[in-house]
Amino acid sequence: MIVKETNLKGCFIIEPAIFDDGRGSFFESFNKQKFNEKIGLLVDFVQDNQSISQRGVLRGLHMQKGTFSQAKLVRVIQGKVLDIVVDARKKSSTYGEHFSIELSGENNKQLFVPRGFLHGFSVLENNTIFAYKCDNYYNKASEDGVVYNDKDLKIDWLLKKEDIILSEKDIKLKTFKEFTK
């Protein structure tokens, strides 16, 4: 397992060791002991989630606040996404900055998203299966987020505006300035 910290403190790219042979390939997608050792934190994932989406779907930018704040370990099983995180920790030196990475069923990369980050992804291939672990349980009352096309964040989602498919919830999200008040 190779672990690299991104430009956002506490946010890590994880690349598994992949073993190929004539039958196919094998890799360990998660090992709690190795994971915690490599990132230097004690993270206890309690919930796994999965979505299947078509090209053009954009989910985000989401987070849970307060006691239901979540850290996530995200990956793509099949297909490809552009995964985006935004540091929303007010005391962080990278507050308001974002990081993006392509995650795919081919590259098998994962991204560790710490608590206090907004998270979202745009789907770049049909029938993409996106999976993630959370270290806290979902709580609807703790949901929060920022609209994907916030003018201050200036995120390139690698999709044309006319190709983007949003949920009603995501259309109504706040701007980053409103979110930070």
N, C-alpha and C. Protein backbone atom coordinates (compact mmCIF):
# COMPACT_ATOMS: atom_id res chain seq x y z
N MET A 1 0.85 -1.17 0.00
CA MET A 1 0.00 0.00 0.00
C MET A 1 0.90 1.24 0.00
N ILE A 2 0.62 2.13 -0.95
CA ILE A 2 1.34 3.40 -1.02
C ILE A 2 0.37 4.49 -0.58
N VAL A 3 0.78 5.33 0.37
CA VAL A 3 -0.06 6.41 0.89
C VAL A 3 0.67 7.72 0.68
N LYS A 4 -0.03 8.68 0.03
CA LYS A 4 0.55 10.01 -0.22
C LYS A 4 -0.43 11.05 0.28
N GLU A 5 0.07 12.01 1.06
CA GLU A 5 -0.79 13.11 1.51
C GLU A 5 -0.96 14.09 0.37
N THR A 6 -2.17 14.60 0.20
CA THR A 6 -2.44 15.61 -0.83
C THR A 6 -1.97 16.97 -0.33
N ASN A 7 -2.25 18.02 -1.10
CA ASN A 7 -1.93 19.37 -0.66
C ASN A 7 -2.81 19.82 0.50
N LEU A 8 -3.84 19.05 0.83
CA LEU A 8 -4.74 19.37 1.94
C LEU A 8 -4.40 18.46 3.11
N LYS A 9 -3.96 19.07 4.20
CA LYS A 9 -3.48 18.31 5.37
C LYS A 9 -4.53 17.31 5.86
N GLY A 10 -4.10 16.05 6.00
CA GLY A 10 -4.96 15.00 6.51
C GLY A 10 -5.74 14.26 5.45
N CYS A 11 -5.63 14.69 4.20
CA CYS A 11 -6.34 14.06 3.08
C CYS A 11 -5.32 13.23 2.29
N PHE A 12 -5.56 11.93 2.13
CA PHE A 12 -4.56 11.02 1.58
C PHE A 12 -5.06 10.24 0.37
N ILE A 13 -4.16 10.01 -0.58
CA ILE A 13 -4.39 9.11 -1.70
C ILE A 13 -3.81 7.76 -1.29
N ILE A 14 -4.58 6.71 -1.47
CA ILE A 14 -4.12 5.36 -1.12
C ILE A 14 -4.12 4.50 -2.38
N GLU A 15 -2.96 3.90 -2.67
CA GLU A 15 -2.84 3.00 -3.83
C GLU A 15 -2.48 1.61 -3.32
N PRO A 16 -3.33 0.63 -3.62
CA PRO A 16 -3.06 -0.72 -3.13
C PRO A 16 -1.96 -1.41 -3.93
N ALA A 17 -1.35 -2.39 -3.31
CA ALA A 17 -0.43 -3.27 -4.03
C ALA A 17 -1.31 -4.26 -4.79
N ILE A 18 -1.14 -4.32 -6.11
CA ILE A 18 -1.97 -5.19 -6.95
C ILE A 18 -1.11 -6.35 -7.44
N PHE A 19 -1.65 -7.55 -7.28
CA PHE A 19 -0.95 -8.76 -7.69
C PHE A 19 -1.67 -9.36 -8.90
N ASP A 20 -0.97 -9.40 -10.04
CA ASP A 20 -1.52 -9.95 -11.28
C ASP A 20 -0.89 -11.29 -11.59
N ASP A 21 -1.71 -12.18 -12.17
CA ASP A 21 -1.19 -13.42 -12.71
C ASP A 21 -2.11 -13.84 -13.86
N GLY A 22 -1.92 -15.01 -14.38
CA GLY A 22 -2.69 -15.47 -15.52
C GLY A 22 -4.19 -15.57 -15.28
N ARG A 23 -4.60 -15.61 -14.03
CA ARG A 23 -6.03 -15.72 -13.69
C ARG A 23 -6.72 -14.37 -13.58
N GLY A 24 -5.93 -13.30 -13.40
CA GLY A 24 -6.49 -11.97 -13.18
C GLY A 24 -5.66 -11.21 -12.18
N SER A 25 -6.31 -10.52 -11.26
CA SER A 25 -5.57 -9.74 -10.27
C SER A 25 -6.24 -9.84 -8.90
N PHE A 26 -5.48 -9.43 -7.89
CA PHE A 26 -5.94 -9.43 -6.51
C PHE A 26 -5.32 -8.23 -5.81
N PHE A 27 -6.11 -7.57 -4.94
CA PHE A 27 -5.54 -6.57 -4.03
C PHE A 27 -6.39 -6.48 -2.78
N GLU A 28 -5.73 -6.09 -1.72
CA GLU A 28 -6.41 -5.87 -0.44
C GLU A 28 -6.97 -4.45 -0.49
N SER A 29 -8.29 -4.31 -0.50
CA SER A 29 -8.89 -2.98 -0.61
C SER A 29 -8.90 -2.22 0.72
N PHE A 30 -8.85 -2.94 1.83
CA PHE A 30 -8.80 -2.27 3.13
C PHE A 30 -8.25 -3.21 4.18
N ASN A 31 -7.36 -2.66 5.00
CA ASN A 31 -6.81 -3.35 6.16
C ASN A 31 -6.70 -2.29 7.25
N LYS A 32 -7.54 -2.37 8.26
CA LYS A 32 -7.63 -1.33 9.28
C LYS A 32 -6.28 -1.04 9.94
N GLN A 33 -5.55 -2.07 10.29
CA GLN A 33 -4.27 -1.89 10.97
C GLN A 33 -3.28 -1.14 10.07
N LYS A 34 -3.12 -1.59 8.84
CA LYS A 34 -2.19 -0.93 7.91
C LYS A 34 -2.65 0.49 7.59
N PHE A 35 -3.95 0.67 7.38
CA PHE A 35 -4.50 1.98 7.05
C PHE A 35 -4.20 2.99 8.17
N ASN A 36 -4.57 2.64 9.40
CA ASN A 36 -4.35 3.55 10.53
C ASN A 36 -2.87 3.86 10.73
N GLU A 37 -2.03 2.86 10.56
CA GLU A 37 -0.59 3.04 10.70
C GLU A 37 -0.05 4.02 9.65
N LYS A 38 -0.48 3.85 8.41
CA LYS A 38 0.03 4.67 7.31
C LYS A 38 -0.43 6.12 7.38
N ILE A 39 -1.70 6.35 7.80
CA ILE A 39 -2.17 7.74 7.85
C ILE A 39 -1.93 8.39 9.21
N GLY A 40 -1.54 7.60 10.20
CA GLY A 40 -1.21 8.15 11.51
C GLY A 40 -2.41 8.56 12.34
N LEU A 41 -3.56 7.97 12.08
CA LEU A 41 -4.78 8.24 12.83
C LEU A 41 -5.44 6.93 13.21
N LEU A 42 -6.31 6.98 14.20
CA LEU A 42 -7.13 5.82 14.54
C LEU A 42 -8.52 6.09 14.00
N VAL A 43 -8.85 5.46 12.87
CA VAL A 43 -10.14 5.64 12.23
C VAL A 43 -10.90 4.32 12.34
N ASP A 44 -12.14 4.41 12.80
CA ASP A 44 -12.97 3.22 12.96
C ASP A 44 -14.19 3.37 12.06
N PHE A 45 -14.13 2.78 10.88
CA PHE A 45 -15.25 2.86 9.95
C PHE A 45 -16.41 2.01 10.44
N VAL A 46 -17.64 2.58 10.38
CA VAL A 46 -18.82 1.91 10.93
C VAL A 46 -19.92 1.70 9.89
N GLN A 47 -19.77 2.27 8.70
CA GLN A 47 -20.83 2.18 7.70
C GLN A 47 -20.21 2.17 6.31
N ASP A 48 -20.69 1.29 5.43
CA ASP A 48 -20.29 1.25 4.02
C ASP A 48 -21.48 1.67 3.17
N ASN A 49 -21.21 2.50 2.15
CA ASN A 49 -22.25 2.96 1.24
C ASN A 49 -21.80 2.73 -0.20
N GLN A 50 -22.77 2.64 -1.10
CA GLN A 50 -22.44 2.43 -2.50
C GLN A 50 -23.51 3.09 -3.36
N SER A 51 -23.06 3.69 -4.48
CA SER A 51 -24.01 4.24 -5.45
C SER A 51 -23.63 3.76 -6.84
N ILE A 52 -24.63 3.70 -7.71
CA ILE A 52 -24.40 3.40 -9.12
C ILE A 52 -24.97 4.57 -9.90
N SER A 53 -24.17 5.16 -10.78
CA SER A 53 -24.57 6.36 -11.49
C SER A 53 -24.17 6.31 -12.95
N GLN A 54 -24.88 7.11 -13.74
CA GLN A 54 -24.57 7.24 -15.16
C GLN A 54 -23.69 8.47 -15.39
N ARG A 55 -23.04 8.51 -16.54
CA ARG A 55 -22.19 9.65 -16.90
C ARG A 55 -23.00 10.94 -16.79
N GLY A 56 -22.39 11.95 -16.19
CA GLY A 56 -23.02 13.25 -16.05
C GLY A 56 -23.61 13.51 -14.68
N VAL A 57 -23.84 12.46 -13.90
CA VAL A 57 -24.35 12.66 -12.54
C VAL A 57 -23.27 13.35 -11.73
N LEU A 58 -23.69 14.36 -10.97
CA LEU A 58 -22.77 15.07 -10.08
C LEU A 58 -23.40 15.02 -8.69
N ARG A 59 -22.67 14.49 -7.75
CA ARG A 59 -23.13 14.38 -6.36
C ARG A 59 -22.23 15.25 -5.49
N GLY A 60 -22.82 16.25 -4.86
CA GLY A 60 -22.01 17.08 -3.96
C GLY A 60 -22.28 18.55 -4.16
N LEU A 61 -21.59 19.26 -3.38
CA LEU A 61 -20.59 18.98 -2.36
C LEU A 61 -21.27 18.78 -1.01
N HIS A 62 -21.04 17.67 -0.35
CA HIS A 62 -21.75 17.30 0.87
C HIS A 62 -20.81 17.13 2.07
N MET A 63 -21.42 17.23 3.24
CA MET A 63 -20.75 16.88 4.50
C MET A 63 -21.81 16.75 5.58
N GLN A 64 -21.41 16.19 6.70
CA GLN A 64 -22.22 16.20 7.90
C GLN A 64 -21.46 17.02 8.94
N LYS A 65 -22.19 17.81 9.70
CA LYS A 65 -21.57 18.69 10.70
C LYS A 65 -21.79 18.17 12.12
N GLY A 66 -21.04 18.77 13.04
CA GLY A 66 -21.23 18.51 14.46
C GLY A 66 -20.83 17.12 14.87
N THR A 67 -21.58 16.56 15.80
CA THR A 67 -21.24 15.25 16.34
C THR A 67 -21.40 14.13 15.32
N PHE A 68 -22.07 14.40 14.21
CA PHE A 68 -22.24 13.40 13.16
C PHE A 68 -21.28 13.62 11.99
N SER A 69 -20.28 14.46 12.18
CA SER A 69 -19.24 14.67 11.16
C SER A 69 -18.65 13.32 10.77
N GLN A 70 -18.26 13.20 9.49
CA GLN A 70 -17.75 11.91 9.01
C GLN A 70 -16.42 12.05 8.28
N ALA A 71 -15.54 11.09 8.51
CA ALA A 71 -14.39 10.87 7.63
C ALA A 71 -14.82 9.75 6.69
N LYS A 72 -14.28 9.77 5.46
CA LYS A 72 -14.66 8.78 4.47
C LYS A 72 -13.44 8.21 3.77
N LEU A 73 -13.53 6.99 3.37
CA LEU A 73 -12.55 6.36 2.49
C LEU A 73 -13.33 5.97 1.24
N VAL A 74 -13.04 6.65 0.12
CA VAL A 74 -13.83 6.50 -1.10
C VAL A 74 -13.04 5.81 -2.20
N ARG A 75 -13.77 5.06 -3.05
CA ARG A 75 -13.14 4.40 -4.19
C ARG A 75 -14.19 4.07 -5.24
N VAL A 76 -13.72 3.76 -6.43
CA VAL A 76 -14.59 3.35 -7.53
C VAL A 76 -14.31 1.88 -7.82
N ILE A 77 -15.37 1.10 -7.87
CA ILE A 77 -15.25 -0.34 -8.16
C ILE A 77 -15.29 -0.57 -9.67
N GLN A 78 -16.16 0.19 -10.33
CA GLN A 78 -16.33 0.07 -11.79
C GLN A 78 -16.60 1.47 -12.34
N GLY A 79 -15.99 1.80 -13.48
CA GLY A 79 -16.23 3.10 -14.09
C GLY A 79 -15.19 4.12 -13.67
N LYS A 80 -15.60 5.43 -13.72
CA LYS A 80 -14.63 6.50 -13.41
C LYS A 80 -15.36 7.74 -12.92
N VAL A 81 -14.77 8.40 -11.91
CA VAL A 81 -15.28 9.67 -11.40
C VAL A 81 -14.13 10.66 -11.26
N LEU A 82 -14.51 11.92 -11.21
CA LEU A 82 -13.60 12.96 -10.73
C LEU A 82 -14.05 13.23 -9.30
N ASP A 83 -13.22 12.91 -8.34
CA ASP A 83 -13.55 13.08 -6.93
C ASP A 83 -12.99 14.41 -6.47
N ILE A 84 -13.79 15.17 -5.72
CA ILE A 84 -13.42 16.51 -5.27
C ILE A 84 -13.61 16.61 -3.76
N VAL A 85 -12.62 17.19 -3.09
CA VAL A 85 -12.76 17.53 -1.67
C VAL A 85 -12.40 18.99 -1.49
N VAL A 86 -13.08 19.63 -0.53
CA VAL A 86 -12.82 21.02 -0.18
C VAL A 86 -12.59 21.08 1.32
N ASP A 87 -11.48 21.69 1.72
CA ASP A 87 -11.17 21.84 3.14
C ASP A 87 -12.10 22.91 3.73
N ALA A 88 -13.02 22.49 4.60
CA ALA A 88 -13.97 23.41 5.23
C ALA A 88 -13.67 23.58 6.72
N ARG A 89 -12.44 23.23 7.11
CA ARG A 89 -12.03 23.39 8.52
C ARG A 89 -11.53 24.83 8.68
N LYS A 90 -12.28 25.66 9.39
CA LYS A 90 -11.99 27.10 9.46
C LYS A 90 -10.60 27.43 9.98
N LYS A 91 -10.03 26.61 10.81
CA LYS A 91 -8.70 26.90 11.37
C LYS A 91 -7.57 26.29 10.54
N SER A 92 -7.89 25.68 9.43
CA SER A 92 -6.88 25.03 8.60
C SER A 92 -6.17 26.04 7.70
N SER A 93 -4.88 25.81 7.46
CA SER A 93 -4.11 26.68 6.56
C SER A 93 -4.55 26.52 5.11
N THR A 94 -5.28 25.43 4.79
CA THR A 94 -5.77 25.21 3.42
C THR A 94 -7.29 25.38 3.34
N TYR A 95 -7.86 26.11 4.29
CA TYR A 95 -9.31 26.36 4.32
C TYR A 95 -9.77 26.96 2.99
N GLY A 96 -10.82 26.37 2.42
CA GLY A 96 -11.39 26.86 1.17
C GLY A 96 -10.70 26.35 -0.08
N GLU A 97 -9.60 25.61 0.08
CA GLU A 97 -8.91 25.04 -1.08
C GLU A 97 -9.49 23.67 -1.39
N HIS A 98 -9.34 23.28 -2.66
CA HIS A 98 -9.86 21.97 -3.04
C HIS A 98 -8.79 21.11 -3.71
N PHE A 99 -9.10 19.82 -3.77
CA PHE A 99 -8.23 18.83 -4.39
C PHE A 99 -9.12 17.93 -5.23
N SER A 100 -8.61 17.54 -6.40
CA SER A 100 -9.37 16.62 -7.25
C SER A 100 -8.48 15.48 -7.71
N ILE A 101 -9.12 14.32 -7.93
CA ILE A 101 -8.40 13.14 -8.40
C ILE A 101 -9.38 12.25 -9.16
N GLU A 102 -8.90 11.64 -10.24
CA GLU A 102 -9.72 10.65 -10.94
C GLU A 102 -9.56 9.32 -10.21
N LEU A 103 -10.70 8.76 -9.84
CA LEU A 103 -10.75 7.43 -9.24
C LEU A 103 -11.46 6.53 -10.23
N SER A 104 -10.93 5.34 -10.43
CA SER A 104 -11.55 4.45 -11.41
C SER A 104 -11.40 2.99 -10.99
N GLY A 105 -12.19 2.16 -11.63
CA GLY A 105 -12.07 0.73 -11.44
C GLY A 105 -10.77 0.20 -12.00
N GLU A 106 -10.13 0.96 -12.86
CA GLU A 106 -8.84 0.55 -13.43
C GLU A 106 -7.66 0.95 -12.54
N ASN A 107 -7.66 2.19 -12.01
CA ASN A 107 -6.49 2.61 -11.22
C ASN A 107 -6.57 2.18 -9.76
N ASN A 108 -7.77 1.80 -9.28
CA ASN A 108 -7.97 1.30 -7.91
C ASN A 108 -7.48 2.23 -6.81
N LYS A 109 -7.29 3.51 -7.13
CA LYS A 109 -6.89 4.46 -6.10
C LYS A 109 -8.07 4.73 -5.18
N GLN A 110 -7.74 5.09 -3.94
CA GLN A 110 -8.75 5.49 -2.95
C GLN A 110 -8.35 6.85 -2.41
N LEU A 111 -9.32 7.55 -1.85
CA LEU A 111 -9.06 8.85 -1.23
C LEU A 111 -9.63 8.84 0.18
N PHE A 112 -8.78 9.20 1.14
CA PHE A 112 -9.25 9.37 2.51
C PHE A 112 -9.63 10.83 2.69
N VAL A 113 -10.89 11.05 3.03
CA VAL A 113 -11.44 12.39 3.23
C VAL A 113 -11.66 12.58 4.73
N PRO A 114 -10.88 13.47 5.36
CA PRO A 114 -11.03 13.64 6.81
C PRO A 114 -12.32 14.38 7.19
N ARG A 115 -12.67 14.31 8.44
CA ARG A 115 -13.80 15.08 8.96
C ARG A 115 -13.54 16.56 8.70
N GLY A 116 -14.61 17.30 8.43
CA GLY A 116 -14.48 18.74 8.20
C GLY A 116 -14.27 19.10 6.74
N PHE A 117 -14.35 18.12 5.85
CA PHE A 117 -14.20 18.37 4.42
C PHE A 117 -15.53 18.22 3.71
N LEU A 118 -15.76 19.06 2.71
CA LEU A 118 -16.86 18.86 1.77
C LEU A 118 -16.40 17.83 0.76
N HIS A 119 -17.32 17.04 0.26
CA HIS A 119 -16.95 15.98 -0.68
C HIS A 119 -18.00 15.87 -1.79
N GLY A 120 -17.52 15.60 -3.00
CA GLY A 120 -18.43 15.37 -4.11
C GLY A 120 -17.70 14.67 -5.24
N PHE A 121 -18.46 14.24 -6.24
CA PHE A 121 -17.83 13.63 -7.41
C PHE A 121 -18.72 13.78 -8.63
N SER A 122 -18.07 13.86 -9.79
CA SER A 122 -18.78 13.84 -11.07
C SER A 122 -18.48 12.52 -11.74
N VAL A 123 -19.51 11.94 -12.34
CA VAL A 123 -19.39 10.62 -12.94
C VAL A 123 -18.99 10.78 -14.41
N LEU A 124 -17.88 10.13 -14.78
CA LEU A 124 -17.30 10.28 -16.11
C LEU A 124 -17.57 9.10 -17.04
N GLU A 125 -18.15 8.01 -16.51
CA GLU A 125 -18.49 6.84 -17.32
C GLU A 125 -19.81 6.26 -16.84
N ASN A 126 -20.58 5.71 -17.78
CA ASN A 126 -21.84 5.05 -17.42
C ASN A 126 -21.61 3.86 -16.50
N ASN A 127 -22.62 3.56 -15.70
CA ASN A 127 -22.62 2.41 -14.79
C ASN A 127 -21.44 2.41 -13.83
N THR A 128 -21.11 3.59 -13.32
CA THR A 128 -20.01 3.71 -12.36
C THR A 128 -20.51 3.30 -10.97
N ILE A 129 -19.74 2.43 -10.34
CA ILE A 129 -20.04 2.00 -8.98
C ILE A 129 -19.05 2.68 -8.04
N PHE A 130 -19.59 3.52 -7.16
CA PHE A 130 -18.80 4.31 -6.22
C PHE A 130 -19.08 3.77 -4.82
N ALA A 131 -18.03 3.47 -4.07
CA ALA A 131 -18.19 2.89 -2.73
C ALA A 131 -17.39 3.69 -1.72
N TYR A 132 -17.93 3.78 -0.51
CA TYR A 132 -17.18 4.49 0.53
C TYR A 132 -17.55 4.02 1.92
N LYS A 133 -16.52 4.11 2.77
CA LYS A 133 -16.64 3.78 4.18
C LYS A 133 -16.77 5.09 4.95
N CYS A 134 -17.56 5.10 6.02
CA CYS A 134 -17.72 6.27 6.88
C CYS A 134 -17.38 5.90 8.31
N ASP A 135 -16.81 6.85 9.04
CA ASP A 135 -16.46 6.57 10.44
C ASP A 135 -17.54 7.04 11.41
N ASN A 136 -18.69 7.45 10.89
CA ASN A 136 -19.81 7.86 11.73
C ASN A 136 -21.10 7.57 10.95
N TYR A 137 -22.17 7.41 11.67
CA TYR A 137 -23.44 7.07 11.04
C TYR A 137 -24.09 8.30 10.41
N TYR A 138 -24.83 8.07 9.35
CA TYR A 138 -25.56 9.13 8.67
C TYR A 138 -26.64 9.70 9.58
N ASN A 139 -26.78 11.03 9.55
CA ASN A 139 -27.83 11.71 10.31
C ASN A 139 -28.36 12.85 9.45
N LYS A 140 -29.58 12.72 8.99
CA LYS A 140 -30.18 13.68 8.06
C LYS A 140 -30.12 15.12 8.59
N ALA A 141 -30.37 15.31 9.88
CA ALA A 141 -30.38 16.66 10.46
C ALA A 141 -29.00 17.31 10.45
N SER A 142 -27.94 16.53 10.26
CA SER A 142 -26.57 17.07 10.26
C SER A 142 -26.04 17.35 8.86
N GLU A 143 -26.86 17.08 7.83
CA GLU A 143 -26.43 17.32 6.45
C GLU A 143 -26.16 18.79 6.19
N ASP A 144 -25.15 19.05 5.38
CA ASP A 144 -24.87 20.40 4.92
C ASP A 144 -24.13 20.28 3.60
N GLY A 145 -23.94 21.40 2.94
CA GLY A 145 -23.22 21.33 1.68
C GLY A 145 -23.11 22.66 0.97
N VAL A 146 -22.39 22.62 -0.14
CA VAL A 146 -22.13 23.79 -0.97
C VAL A 146 -22.44 23.42 -2.41
N VAL A 147 -23.04 24.35 -3.13
CA VAL A 147 -23.42 24.12 -4.51
C VAL A 147 -22.18 23.86 -5.37
N TYR A 148 -22.31 22.93 -6.31
CA TYR A 148 -21.18 22.47 -7.12
C TYR A 148 -20.50 23.58 -7.93
N ASN A 149 -21.26 24.56 -8.38
CA ASN A 149 -20.71 25.60 -9.25
C ASN A 149 -20.44 26.91 -8.52
N ASP A 150 -20.07 26.82 -7.25
CA ASP A 150 -19.76 28.00 -6.46
C ASP A 150 -18.69 28.84 -7.16
N LYS A 151 -18.96 30.13 -7.32
CA LYS A 151 -18.06 31.00 -8.08
C LYS A 151 -16.73 31.23 -7.37
N ASP A 152 -16.69 31.12 -6.06
CA ASP A 152 -15.43 31.33 -5.34
C ASP A 152 -14.54 30.09 -5.35
N LEU A 153 -15.14 28.91 -5.34
CA LEU A 153 -14.34 27.68 -5.34
C LEU A 153 -13.77 27.36 -6.72
N LYS A 154 -14.49 27.73 -7.78
CA LYS A 154 -14.01 27.56 -9.16
C LYS A 154 -13.54 26.13 -9.45
N ILE A 155 -14.40 25.17 -9.20
CA ILE A 155 -14.07 23.76 -9.41
C ILE A 155 -14.41 23.36 -10.85
N ASP A 156 -13.47 22.71 -11.51
CA ASP A 156 -13.72 22.14 -12.84
C ASP A 156 -14.10 20.68 -12.64
N TRP A 157 -15.35 20.34 -12.92
CA TRP A 157 -15.87 18.99 -12.71
C TRP A 157 -15.67 18.08 -13.92
N LEU A 158 -15.01 18.58 -14.95
CA LEU A 158 -14.73 17.83 -16.19
C LEU A 158 -16.00 17.41 -16.94
N LEU A 159 -17.09 18.15 -16.74
CA LEU A 159 -18.33 17.91 -17.45
C LEU A 159 -18.83 19.23 -18.03
N LYS A 160 -19.47 19.16 -19.20
CA LYS A 160 -20.13 20.34 -19.75
C LYS A 160 -21.36 20.64 -18.91
N LYS A 161 -21.66 21.93 -18.74
CA LYS A 161 -22.80 22.34 -17.91
C LYS A 161 -24.08 21.64 -18.34
N GLU A 162 -24.30 21.51 -19.66
CA GLU A 162 -25.54 20.91 -20.16
C GLU A 162 -25.59 19.40 -19.93
N ASP A 163 -24.47 18.77 -19.59
CA ASP A 163 -24.44 17.32 -19.35
C ASP A 163 -24.60 16.96 -17.88
N ILE A 164 -24.59 17.95 -16.99
CA ILE A 164 -24.64 17.69 -15.55
C ILE A 164 -26.05 17.34 -15.09
N ILE A 165 -26.14 16.25 -14.33
CA ILE A 165 -27.41 15.77 -13.76
C ILE A 165 -27.30 15.90 -12.25
N LEU A 166 -28.20 16.74 -11.66
CA LEU A 166 -28.17 17.01 -10.22
C LEU A 166 -29.47 16.57 -9.56
N SER A 167 -29.38 16.26 -8.28
CA SER A 167 -30.59 16.01 -7.48
C SER A 167 -31.19 17.36 -7.10
N GLU A 168 -32.46 17.35 -6.73
CA GLU A 168 -33.12 18.58 -6.24
C GLU A 168 -32.37 19.14 -5.04
N LYS A 169 -31.93 18.26 -4.16
CA LYS A 169 -31.19 18.68 -2.96
C LYS A 169 -29.92 19.42 -3.34
N ASP A 170 -29.18 18.91 -4.32
CA ASP A 170 -27.91 19.52 -4.69
C ASP A 170 -28.08 20.84 -5.43
N ILE A 171 -29.19 21.01 -6.13
CA ILE A 171 -29.47 22.28 -6.82
C ILE A 171 -29.65 23.40 -5.79
N LYS A 172 -30.19 23.07 -4.63
CA LYS A 172 -30.56 24.07 -3.61
C LYS A 172 -29.47 24.33 -2.57
N LEU A 173 -28.29 23.74 -2.73
CA LEU A 173 -27.23 23.93 -1.73
C LEU A 173 -26.75 25.38 -1.69
N LYS A 174 -26.09 25.75 -0.61
CA LYS A 174 -25.60 27.11 -0.37
C LYS A 174 -24.34 27.40 -1.18
N THR A 175 -24.00 28.69 -1.24
CA THR A 175 -22.69 29.07 -1.75
C THR A 175 -21.69 28.87 -0.62
N PHE A 176 -20.40 28.88 -0.94
CA PHE A 176 -19.38 28.70 0.09
C PHE A 176 -19.44 29.84 1.11
N LYS A 177 -19.70 31.06 0.65
CA LYS A 177 -19.81 32.21 1.58
C LYS A 177 -20.98 32.02 2.53
N GLU A 178 -22.13 31.56 2.03
CA GLU A 178 -23.29 31.31 2.89
C GLU A 178 -22.99 30.16 3.86
N PHE A 179 -22.31 29.14 3.38
CA PHE A 179 -21.96 27.98 4.18
C PHE A 179 -21.06 28.36 5.35
N THR A 180 -20.16 29.30 5.14
CA THR A 180 -19.16 29.64 6.16
C THR A 180 -19.67 30.66 7.19
N LYS A 181 -20.86 31.20 7.00
CA LYS A 181 -21.38 32.19 7.97
C LYS A 181 -21.71 31.56 9.29
